[in-house]
């Protein structure tokens, strides 16, 4: 599932392409929404809340989308060939000079803009909220502290605590903390530091498709442990291990260095995972 910075970047690019433009075609191909035609509406803006994306129109409605595992928005010029099959398209929003196509958007809803909170009101503070400040950090700390008995790696993924983190960041955050993802939250010595680190990492990557936690964008150097199973730790040379965390069907692939990260850990397994998705191309 895409990280919050991927969704943020998708929203920023869609906003730049569509905002203040009238739709010459607005086709919704999702089974629940095929009766709606958005042609003639003007896009007033596109924005993200955690991993949720809202495209807002001048009639007071919003189109909500969530990428889940395989969804994405692409941007094209009119008549350009799409990079994914047409049968995967769930939304096609076309202006005079741009076409935004939402592929494999299993979660797609049309609702009043004033009622967006019904879909995102349960979320914790959005790590990429442009107004992020002390109050947001304090609320995230309150929610995280309330899960003191839960495993850190699972709490980092819980959108009700902080909105925006995905599997990449939760793995590398745990590495940077020197803790395994199975350490209980109550044993984390600096929870405010965890929140500050999460905010800093997402913020540093939000304006580009490439993501790094190491500070390097060079090929093969962007991550500390994420998707590096069996490779040497960048700090100590020990082989990175991988296992599942959580209960099926929601278990997540987890990576850690057994030497650099202290705390409990299960028996490692071998696994391969795939690339980042979801950001519209230019």
Protein backbone atom coordinates (compact mmCIF):
# COMPACT_ATOMS: atom_id res chain seq x y z
CA UNK A 1 0.00 0.00 0.00
CA UNK A 2 1.43 3.43 -0.91
CA UNK A 3 2.88 5.64 1.79
CA UNK A 4 1.28 8.96 2.70
CA UNK A 5 3.91 10.91 0.78
CA UNK A 6 2.99 9.02 -2.40
CA UNK A 7 -0.65 10.00 -1.98
CA UNK A 8 0.35 13.59 -1.14
CA UNK A 9 2.43 13.82 -4.31
CA UNK A 10 -0.38 12.33 -6.39
CA UNK A 11 -2.73 14.96 -5.01
CA UNK A 12 -0.28 17.78 -5.66
CA UNK A 13 0.20 16.75 -9.29
CA UNK A 14 -3.52 16.26 -9.85
CA UNK A 15 -4.19 19.66 -8.30
CA UNK A 16 -1.67 21.33 -10.60
CA UNK A 17 -3.23 19.66 -13.65
CA UNK A 18 -6.94 19.97 -12.85
CA UNK A 19 -7.64 22.77 -10.37
CA UNK A 20 -9.69 25.67 -11.79
CA UNK A 21 -10.33 23.72 -14.99
CA UNK A 22 -13.72 22.62 -16.31
CA UNK A 23 -14.24 18.94 -17.08
CA UNK A 24 -15.14 18.26 -20.69
CA UNK A 25 -15.64 14.64 -19.64
CA UNK A 26 -16.09 13.17 -16.19
CA UNK A 27 -16.70 9.45 -16.38
CA UNK A 28 -16.94 7.22 -13.31
CA UNK A 29 -16.63 3.53 -14.14
CA UNK A 30 -16.89 2.15 -10.63
CA UNK A 31 -19.96 -0.14 -10.38
CA UNK A 32 -21.52 2.04 -7.66
CA UNK A 33 -20.99 5.31 -9.53
CA UNK A 34 -21.56 4.61 -13.23
CA UNK A 35 -24.76 6.69 -13.23
CA UNK A 36 -22.86 9.89 -12.34
CA UNK A 37 -21.55 12.22 -15.06
CA UNK A 38 -19.16 14.92 -13.88
CA UNK A 39 -18.81 16.69 -17.23
CA UNK A 40 -19.29 20.43 -16.95
CA UNK A 41 -18.07 20.66 -13.36
CA UNK A 42 -15.00 22.67 -12.44
CA UNK A 43 -12.34 21.12 -10.21
CA UNK A 44 -11.76 23.44 -7.26
CA UNK A 45 -8.86 21.47 -5.83
CA UNK A 46 -7.29 18.12 -5.03
CA UNK A 47 -5.84 17.26 -1.65
CA UNK A 48 -4.81 14.35 0.53
CA UNK A 49 -5.59 13.39 4.10
CA UNK A 50 -3.27 10.61 5.16
CA UNK A 51 -3.70 7.96 2.47
CA UNK A 52 -7.04 9.34 1.28
CA UNK A 53 -7.38 11.60 -1.76
CA UNK A 54 -10.19 14.08 -2.43
CA UNK A 55 -10.92 15.72 -5.79
CA UNK A 56 -13.32 18.60 -5.11
CA UNK A 57 -15.81 20.18 -7.51
CA UNK A 58 -17.68 23.47 -7.71
CA UNK A 59 -21.07 21.81 -7.10
CA UNK A 60 -20.10 21.08 -3.48
CA UNK A 61 -19.16 17.44 -4.00
CA UNK A 62 -15.89 15.52 -3.68
CA UNK A 63 -14.61 12.36 -5.33
CA UNK A 64 -12.85 10.27 -2.70
CA UNK A 65 -10.27 7.66 -3.71
CA UNK A 66 -7.95 5.32 -1.85
CA UNK A 67 -5.15 3.42 -3.60
CA UNK A 68 -5.20 0.28 -1.45
CA UNK A 69 -2.56 -2.10 -2.84
CA UNK A 70 -2.74 -1.50 -6.60
CA UNK A 71 -4.56 1.77 -7.25
CA UNK A 72 -3.01 4.80 -8.96
CA UNK A 73 -3.82 8.05 -10.73
CA UNK A 74 -2.10 8.75 -14.05
CA UNK A 75 -1.97 12.01 -15.98
CA UNK A 76 -1.97 12.07 -19.78
CA UNK A 77 -2.35 14.48 -22.65
CA UNK A 78 -5.59 14.05 -24.63
CA UNK A 79 -5.43 11.09 -27.06
CA UNK A 80 -2.21 9.79 -25.47
CA UNK A 81 -1.96 6.04 -24.94
CA UNK A 82 -2.61 4.88 -21.39
CA UNK A 83 0.05 2.88 -19.58
CA UNK A 84 -2.45 0.52 -17.97
CA UNK A 85 -5.36 -1.43 -19.51
CA UNK A 86 -8.60 0.51 -20.04
CA UNK A 87 -10.58 -2.14 -18.15
CA UNK A 88 -8.71 -1.12 -14.97
CA UNK A 89 -9.88 2.51 -15.23
CA UNK A 90 -12.42 3.51 -12.57
CA UNK A 91 -12.44 7.28 -13.14
CA UNK A 92 -11.60 9.42 -16.19
CA UNK A 93 -11.51 13.18 -15.61
CA UNK A 94 -10.68 15.15 -18.74
CA UNK A 95 -10.09 18.87 -19.20
CA UNK A 96 -9.18 20.65 -22.41
CA UNK A 97 -5.52 19.68 -22.10
CA UNK A 98 -5.13 16.96 -19.45
CA UNK A 99 -6.67 13.57 -18.72
CA UNK A 100 -6.55 12.11 -15.20
CA UNK A 101 -7.23 8.36 -15.10
CA UNK A 102 -7.77 6.54 -11.84
CA UNK A 103 -6.78 2.88 -12.19
CA UNK A 104 -7.82 0.02 -9.89
CA UNK A 105 -9.48 2.37 -7.40
CA UNK A 106 -11.52 -0.15 -5.45
CA UNK A 107 -12.50 2.54 -2.94
CA UNK A 108 -14.18 5.34 -4.88
CA UNK A 109 -16.99 7.46 -3.47
CA UNK A 110 -18.84 10.64 -4.43
CA UNK A 111 -19.96 12.68 -1.44
CA UNK A 112 -20.60 16.20 -0.25
CA UNK A 113 -17.37 18.08 0.39
CA UNK A 114 -18.78 19.19 3.73
CA UNK A 115 -19.07 15.52 4.73
CA UNK A 116 -15.51 14.39 3.97
CA UNK A 117 -14.94 14.05 7.70
CA UNK A 118 -17.22 11.01 7.67
CA UNK A 119 -14.45 9.15 5.81
CA UNK A 120 -11.37 10.56 7.54
CA UNK A 121 -12.57 11.87 10.90
CA UNK A 122 -11.39 8.70 12.66
CA UNK A 123 -7.79 9.17 11.51
CA UNK A 124 -4.96 10.32 13.70
CA UNK A 125 -3.07 13.52 12.86
CA UNK A 126 -1.97 13.66 9.24
CA UNK A 127 1.84 13.67 9.20
CA UNK A 128 1.77 15.79 6.03
CA UNK A 129 -0.84 18.26 7.20
CA UNK A 130 0.51 21.64 6.02
CA UNK A 131 -0.41 23.07 9.42
CA UNK A 132 1.42 20.34 11.36
CA UNK A 133 2.55 21.66 14.72
CA UNK A 134 2.77 20.99 18.44
CA UNK A 135 -0.95 20.21 18.80
CA UNK A 136 -0.76 17.53 16.09
CA UNK A 137 2.33 15.98 17.66
CA UNK A 138 0.69 16.01 21.10
CA UNK A 139 -2.42 14.26 19.79
CA UNK A 140 -0.32 11.63 18.02
CA UNK A 141 1.59 11.08 21.28
CA UNK A 142 -1.66 10.68 23.21
CA UNK A 143 -2.95 8.08 20.76
CA UNK A 144 0.34 6.20 20.62
CA UNK A 145 0.70 6.17 24.41
CA UNK A 146 -2.78 4.65 24.69
CA UNK A 147 -1.45 1.60 22.83
CA UNK A 148 1.39 0.98 25.26
CA UNK A 149 1.03 -2.81 25.20
CA UNK A 150 0.97 -3.06 21.41
CA UNK A 151 3.97 -3.80 19.18
CA UNK A 152 5.66 -0.66 17.86
CA UNK A 153 5.70 -1.82 14.23
CA UNK A 154 1.95 -2.39 14.21
CA UNK A 155 1.18 0.90 15.95
CA UNK A 156 3.24 2.81 13.37
CA UNK A 157 0.97 1.37 10.67
CA UNK A 158 -2.22 2.23 12.53
CA UNK A 159 -3.77 5.20 10.73
CA UNK A 160 -5.89 6.01 13.78
CA UNK A 161 -2.67 6.93 15.59
CA UNK A 162 -0.84 8.85 12.85
CA UNK A 163 -2.06 9.05 9.27
CA UNK A 164 0.40 8.46 6.46
CA UNK A 165 2.93 5.81 7.45
CA UNK A 166 3.23 2.60 5.44
CA UNK A 167 5.47 -0.43 5.45
CA UNK A 168 8.57 1.27 4.09
CA UNK A 169 8.73 3.93 6.78
CA UNK A 170 7.71 1.76 9.70
CA UNK A 171 10.55 -0.68 8.93
CA UNK A 172 13.22 1.98 8.54
CA UNK A 173 11.93 4.04 11.48
CA UNK A 174 12.36 1.01 13.72
CA UNK A 175 15.90 0.55 12.39
CA UNK A 176 16.77 4.20 13.04
CA UNK A 177 15.39 3.82 16.57
CA UNK A 178 17.54 0.73 17.14
CA UNK A 179 14.45 -1.28 18.09
CA UNK A 180 12.79 -4.29 16.49
CA UNK A 181 9.19 -3.74 15.33
CA UNK A 182 8.04 -6.24 17.99
CA UNK A 183 9.09 -4.05 20.92
CA UNK A 184 6.03 -2.93 22.95
CA UNK A 185 5.31 0.78 22.75
CA UNK A 186 5.76 1.09 26.52
CA UNK A 187 9.44 0.13 26.11
CA UNK A 188 10.19 2.84 23.54
CA UNK A 189 12.25 5.44 25.42
CA UNK A 190 11.33 8.53 23.35
CA UNK A 191 7.86 8.47 21.81
CA UNK A 192 7.91 12.19 20.90
CA UNK A 193 11.12 11.45 19.00
CA UNK A 194 9.40 8.66 17.09
CA UNK A 195 6.67 11.05 15.98
CA UNK A 196 9.16 13.75 15.02
CA UNK A 197 11.18 11.22 12.99
CA UNK A 198 8.08 10.00 11.15
CA UNK A 199 7.09 13.57 10.30
CA UNK A 200 10.59 14.45 9.13
CA UNK A 201 10.98 11.41 6.87
CA UNK A 202 7.63 11.83 5.12
CA UNK A 203 8.13 15.57 4.74
CA UNK A 204 11.57 15.13 3.19
CA UNK A 205 10.18 12.87 0.44
CA UNK A 206 6.76 14.37 -0.26
CA UNK A 207 7.72 16.45 -3.30
CA UNK A 208 9.37 13.73 -5.41
CA UNK A 209 8.51 10.18 -6.49
CA UNK A 210 11.77 8.77 -5.10
CA UNK A 211 11.80 7.91 -1.39
CA UNK A 212 14.86 7.73 0.82
CA UNK A 213 15.39 7.16 4.52
CA UNK A 214 19.20 7.08 4.30
CA UNK A 215 19.58 10.47 2.63
CA UNK A 216 20.81 8.92 -0.62
CA UNK A 217 18.79 8.58 -3.82
CA UNK A 218 21.41 6.45 -5.55
CA UNK A 219 20.22 3.09 -6.85
CA UNK A 220 20.22 0.50 -4.07
CA UNK A 221 21.13 3.01 -1.35
CA UNK A 222 17.79 4.60 -0.44
CA UNK A 223 16.65 2.35 2.42
CA UNK A 224 18.19 1.02 5.61
CA UNK A 225 16.43 -2.34 5.87
CA UNK A 226 13.23 -2.17 3.78
CA UNK A 227 13.26 -4.78 0.99
CA UNK A 228 16.90 -5.66 1.81
CA UNK A 229 16.38 -9.18 3.17
CA UNK A 230 19.59 -11.21 3.06
CA UNK A 231 21.76 -8.19 2.26
CA UNK A 232 24.37 -6.79 4.65
CA UNK A 233 23.29 -4.12 7.13
CA UNK A 234 24.61 -0.74 6.07
CA UNK A 235 25.95 -0.15 9.59
CA UNK A 236 27.30 -3.47 10.83
CA UNK A 237 27.30 -5.88 7.88
CA UNK A 238 24.95 -8.42 9.49
CA UNK A 239 22.44 -9.94 7.07
CA UNK A 240 19.04 -8.25 7.16
CA UNK A 241 16.26 -10.59 8.22
CA UNK A 242 12.58 -10.65 7.29
CA UNK A 243 9.39 -12.11 8.77
CA UNK A 244 5.68 -11.34 9.04
CA UNK A 245 4.22 -9.11 11.73
CA UNK A 246 0.53 -9.15 12.58
CA UNK A 247 -2.26 -11.63 12.08
CA UNK A 248 -3.37 -12.93 8.66
CA UNK A 249 -4.73 -11.59 6.39
CA UNK A 250 -3.25 -8.29 7.59
CA UNK A 251 0.27 -9.49 8.36
CA UNK A 252 2.94 -7.19 6.93
CA UNK A 253 6.42 -8.03 5.66
CA UNK A 254 8.97 -6.83 8.20
CA UNK A 255 12.73 -6.27 7.90
CA UNK A 256 15.28 -5.79 10.66
CA UNK A 257 18.95 -6.07 11.56
CA UNK A 258 19.39 -8.56 14.42
CA UNK A 259 22.51 -6.77 15.63
CA UNK A 260 21.57 -3.08 15.34
CA UNK A 261 18.01 -3.47 16.61
CA UNK A 262 17.32 -4.73 20.13
CA UNK A 263 14.13 -6.46 21.22
CA UNK A 264 12.06 -9.54 20.46
CA UNK A 265 11.85 -10.97 16.94
CA UNK A 266 10.40 -14.12 15.35
CA UNK A 267 12.15 -16.67 13.21
CA UNK A 268 13.08 -15.04 9.87
CA UNK A 269 11.71 -16.13 6.49
CA UNK A 270 12.62 -15.39 2.86
CA UNK A 271 10.44 -13.09 0.78
CA UNK A 272 10.41 -10.66 -2.17
CA UNK A 273 8.27 -7.50 -2.42
CA UNK A 274 7.45 -5.01 -5.16
CA UNK A 275 7.92 -1.31 -6.03
CA UNK A 276 6.22 1.92 -5.04
CA UNK A 277 3.01 2.82 -6.92
CA UNK A 278 0.28 5.43 -7.09
CA UNK A 279 1.90 8.73 -8.18
CA UNK A 280 0.54 10.18 -11.43
CA UNK A 281 3.12 10.58 -14.15
CA UNK A 282 3.60 13.89 -15.82
